[in-house]
Amino acid sequence: MSWKVKHDAKFLLLILVISSACTELDSASAGGIVGRPCESSEECGSIFNSCCVIQRYQRGEKGVCRQRANLGEHCSITMFRSHVTNNYYAPYLKACPCYQPRYTCFRKNPRDRNALGVCQK
């Protein structure tokens, strides 16, 4: 093969590698955040679509990124605030809140802060 054909083949291969890497980044940004370990909701992308969830109140507890709850799904409004996270980015306890302003999280017993609620209109 001539040097021009080899050069063109290498160039096409380079374009193919770059385009596949960009496709991989796009798919990761779309839904790859769910399931990622986190310490605050800030690490889970948009706070309007996802949040960080911990299973119990404990200092240093690592959470997992989850999508916000839809209609009929379990939800929580209880946050674990610390000196590290502020009110917007603090992790939630056991579940994410509902998508707002469409749904509201209703608990059967409003005084039980650890109880999960259900997203309703």
C-alpha atoms as a PDB file:
ATOM      1  CA  MET A   1       0.000   0.000   0.000  1.00  0.00           C
ATOM      2  CA  SER A   2       1.101   3.498  -0.635  1.00  0.00           C
ATOM      3  CA  TRP A   3       1.818   5.878   2.206  1.00  0.00           C
ATOM      4  CA  LYS A   4      -1.317   7.914   1.377  1.00  0.00           C
ATOM      5  CA  VAL A   5      -3.620   4.898   1.765  1.00  0.00           C
ATOM      6  CA  LYS A   6      -1.955   3.977   5.078  1.00  0.00           C
ATOM      7  CA  HIS A   7      -2.316   7.562   6.276  1.00  0.00           C
ATOM      8  CA  ASP A   8      -6.011   7.657   5.305  1.00  0.00           C
ATOM      9  CA  ALA A   9      -6.650   4.311   7.044  1.00  0.00           C
ATOM     10  CA  LYS A  10      -5.008   5.554  10.253  1.00  0.00           C
ATOM     11  CA  PHE A  11      -7.004   8.768  10.067  1.00  0.00           C
ATOM     12  CA  LEU A  12     -10.302   6.891   9.636  1.00  0.00           C
ATOM     13  CA  LEU A  13      -9.413   4.598  12.541  1.00  0.00           C
ATOM     14  CA  LEU A  14      -8.707   7.638  14.716  1.00  0.00           C
ATOM     15  CA  ILE A  15     -12.095   9.158  13.819  1.00  0.00           C
ATOM     16  CA  LEU A  16     -13.819   5.862  14.656  1.00  0.00           C
ATOM     17  CA  VAL A  17     -12.125   5.672  18.080  1.00  0.00           C
ATOM     18  CA  ILE A  18     -13.005   9.279  18.936  1.00  0.00           C
ATOM     19  CA  SER A  19     -16.652   8.891  17.872  1.00  0.00           C
ATOM     20  CA  SER A  20     -17.087   5.703  19.916  1.00  0.00           C
ATOM     21  CA  ALA A  21     -15.607   7.449  22.978  1.00  0.00           C
ATOM     22  CA  CYS A  22     -18.063  10.336  22.552  1.00  0.00           C
ATOM     23  CA  THR A  23     -20.980   7.894  22.293  1.00  0.00           C
ATOM     24  CA  GLU A  24     -19.816   6.219  25.498  1.00  0.00           C
ATOM     25  CA  LEU A  25     -19.700   9.583  27.298  1.00  0.00           C
ATOM     26  CA  ASP A  26     -23.214  10.448  26.106  1.00  0.00           C
ATOM     27  CA  SER A  27     -24.669   7.190  27.407  1.00  0.00           C
ATOM     28  CA  ALA A  28     -22.904   7.651  30.752  1.00  0.00           C
ATOM     29  CA  SER A  29     -24.264  11.162  31.182  1.00  0.00           C
ATOM     30  CA  ALA A  30     -27.810  10.072  30.399  1.00  0.00           C
ATOM     31  CA  GLY A  31     -28.353   7.398  33.025  1.00  0.00           C
ATOM     32  CA  GLY A  32     -25.016   6.134  34.235  1.00  0.00           C
ATOM     33  CA  ILE A  33     -25.213   8.126  37.455  1.00  0.00           C
ATOM     34  CA  VAL A  34     -27.846   5.882  39.058  1.00  0.00           C
ATOM     35  CA  GLY A  35     -26.120   3.396  41.343  1.00  0.00           C
ATOM     36  CA  ARG A  36     -22.944   5.437  41.705  1.00  0.00           C
ATOM     37  CA  PRO A  37     -21.618   5.822  45.291  1.00  0.00           C
ATOM     38  CA  CYS A  38     -22.046   9.339  46.694  1.00  0.00           C
ATOM     39  CA  GLU A  39     -21.757  11.497  49.791  1.00  0.00           C
ATOM     40  CA  SER A  40     -24.061  14.308  48.652  1.00  0.00           C
ATOM     41  CA  SER A  41     -26.744  14.832  46.012  1.00  0.00           C
ATOM     42  CA  GLU A  42     -24.385  17.211  44.225  1.00  0.00           C
ATOM     43  CA  GLU A  43     -22.395  14.165  43.047  1.00  0.00           C
ATOM     44  CA  CYS A  44     -25.488  12.664  41.375  1.00  0.00           C
ATOM     45  CA  GLY A  45     -25.877  15.191  38.584  1.00  0.00           C
ATOM     46  CA  SER A  46     -28.961  17.403  38.474  1.00  0.00           C
ATOM     47  CA  ILE A  47     -30.635  17.707  41.886  1.00  0.00           C
ATOM     48  CA  PHE A  48     -33.965  17.996  40.057  1.00  0.00           C
ATOM     49  CA  ASN A  49     -33.698  14.481  38.572  1.00  0.00           C
ATOM     50  CA  SER A  50     -31.675  12.460  41.077  1.00  0.00           C
ATOM     51  CA  CYS A  51     -30.446  12.428  44.661  1.00  0.00           C
ATOM     52  CA  CYS A  52     -28.070  10.665  47.039  1.00  0.00           C
ATOM     53  CA  VAL A  53     -29.743   8.109  49.341  1.00  0.00           C
ATOM     54  CA  ILE A  54     -28.326   6.676  52.580  1.00  0.00           C
ATOM     55  CA  GLN A  55     -29.867   3.784  54.500  1.00  0.00           C
ATOM     56  CA  ARG A  56     -29.302   5.012  58.076  1.00  0.00           C
ATOM     57  CA  TYR A  57     -28.162   8.015  60.073  1.00  0.00           C
ATOM     58  CA  GLN A  58     -24.469   7.486  60.588  1.00  0.00           C
ATOM     59  CA  ARG A  59     -21.508   9.811  60.203  1.00  0.00           C
ATOM     60  CA  GLY A  60     -19.420   8.893  57.179  1.00  0.00           C
ATOM     61  CA  GLU A  61     -22.209   6.799  55.655  1.00  0.00           C
ATOM     62  CA  LYS A  62     -21.838   6.515  51.865  1.00  0.00           C
ATOM     63  CA  GLY A  63     -24.985   6.666  49.791  1.00  0.00           C
ATOM     64  CA  VAL A  64     -26.059   5.630  46.313  1.00  0.00           C
ATOM     65  CA  CYS A  65     -27.378   7.877  43.536  1.00  0.00           C
ATOM     66  CA  ARG A  66     -31.021   7.231  42.616  1.00  0.00           C
ATOM     67  CA  GLN A  67     -33.689   8.794  40.414  1.00  0.00           C
ATOM     68  CA  ARG A  68     -36.376  10.901  42.074  1.00  0.00           C
ATOM     69  CA  ALA A  69     -39.656   9.093  42.754  1.00  0.00           C
ATOM     70  CA  ASN A  70     -42.622   9.182  40.370  1.00  0.00           C
ATOM     71  CA  LEU A  71     -46.340   8.842  41.057  1.00  0.00           C
ATOM     72  CA  GLY A  72     -47.075   5.876  43.350  1.00  0.00           C
ATOM     73  CA  GLU A  73     -43.435   5.187  44.242  1.00  0.00           C
ATOM     74  CA  HIS A  74     -41.918   5.311  47.732  1.00  0.00           C
ATOM     75  CA  CYS A  75     -40.397   8.647  48.686  1.00  0.00           C
ATOM     76  CA  SER A  76     -38.724  10.439  51.568  1.00  0.00           C
ATOM     77  CA  ILE A  77     -38.298  14.047  52.642  1.00  0.00           C
ATOM     78  CA  THR A  78     -35.896  13.305  55.504  1.00  0.00           C
ATOM     79  CA  MET A  79     -32.378  14.618  54.885  1.00  0.00           C
ATOM     80  CA  PHE A  80     -29.143  13.879  56.715  1.00  0.00           C
ATOM     81  CA  ARG A  81     -27.524  17.301  57.068  1.00  0.00           C
ATOM     82  CA  SER A  82     -23.967  17.707  58.260  1.00  0.00           C
ATOM     83  CA  HIS A  83     -21.263  20.379  58.237  1.00  0.00           C
ATOM     84  CA  VAL A  84     -20.145  19.014  54.851  1.00  0.00           C
ATOM     85  CA  THR A  85     -23.470  19.216  52.986  1.00  0.00           C
ATOM     86  CA  ASN A  86     -25.947  22.085  52.923  1.00  0.00           C
ATOM     87  CA  ASN A  87     -29.731  21.889  52.681  1.00  0.00           C
ATOM     88  CA  TYR A  88     -29.824  21.457  48.892  1.00  0.00           C
ATOM     89  CA  TYR A  89     -27.218  18.719  48.569  1.00  0.00           C
ATOM     90  CA  ALA A  90     -27.643  16.702  51.782  1.00  0.00           C
ATOM     91  CA  PRO A  91     -28.355  12.993  51.207  1.00  0.00           C
ATOM     92  CA  TYR A  92     -31.876  11.667  51.791  1.00  0.00           C
ATOM     93  CA  LEU A  93     -32.764   8.822  54.122  1.00  0.00           C
ATOM     94  CA  LYS A  94     -33.938   5.552  52.457  1.00  0.00           C
ATOM     95  CA  ALA A  95     -35.463   7.102  49.281  1.00  0.00           C
ATOM     96  CA  CYS A  96     -35.447  10.174  47.042  1.00  0.00           C
ATOM     97  CA  PRO A  97     -38.168  12.827  47.180  1.00  0.00           C
ATOM     98  CA  CYS A  98     -40.790  13.050  44.437  1.00  0.00           C
ATOM     99  CA  TYR A  99     -40.372  14.891  41.153  1.00  0.00           C
ATOM    100  CA  GLN A 100     -41.568  18.391  41.935  1.00  0.00           C
ATOM    101  CA  PRO A 101     -43.799  20.301  41.478  1.00  0.00           C
ATOM    102  CA  ARG A 102     -45.854  17.467  39.957  1.00  0.00           C
ATOM    103  CA  TYR A 103     -46.031  15.189  43.014  1.00  0.00           C
ATOM    104  CA  THR A 104     -45.907  15.450  46.800  1.00  0.00           C
ATOM    105  CA  CYS A 105     -44.615  12.885  49.282  1.00  0.00           C
ATOM    106  CA  PHE A 106     -47.403  11.856  51.701  1.00  0.00           C
ATOM    107  CA  ARG A 107     -46.629   9.795  54.805  1.00  0.00           C
ATOM    108  CA  LYS A 108     -49.321   7.898  56.722  1.00  0.00           C
ATOM    109  CA  ASN A 109     -47.916   9.197  60.007  1.00  0.00           C
ATOM    110  CA  PRO A 110     -46.407  12.666  59.456  1.00  0.00           C
ATOM    111  CA  ARG A 111     -44.685  12.595  62.856  1.00  0.00           C
ATOM    112  CA  ASP A 112     -42.646   9.492  62.030  1.00  0.00           C
ATOM    113  CA  ARG A 113     -39.697  11.103  60.237  1.00  0.00           C
ATOM    114  CA  ASN A 114     -38.138   7.740  59.344  1.00  0.00           C
ATOM    115  CA  ALA A 115     -41.253   6.391  57.596  1.00  0.00           C
ATOM    116  CA  LEU A 116     -41.374   6.329  53.820  1.00  0.00           C
ATOM    117  CA  GLY A 117     -44.211   8.038  52.014  1.00  0.00           C
ATOM    118  CA  VAL A 118     -45.824   7.611  48.606  1.00  0.00           C
ATOM    119  CA  CYS A 119     -45.768  10.171  45.783  1.00  0.00           C
ATOM    120  CA  GLN A 120     -49.246  11.535  45.085  1.00  0.00           C
ATOM    121  CA  LYS A 121     -50.768  14.431  43.175  1.00  0.00           C
END
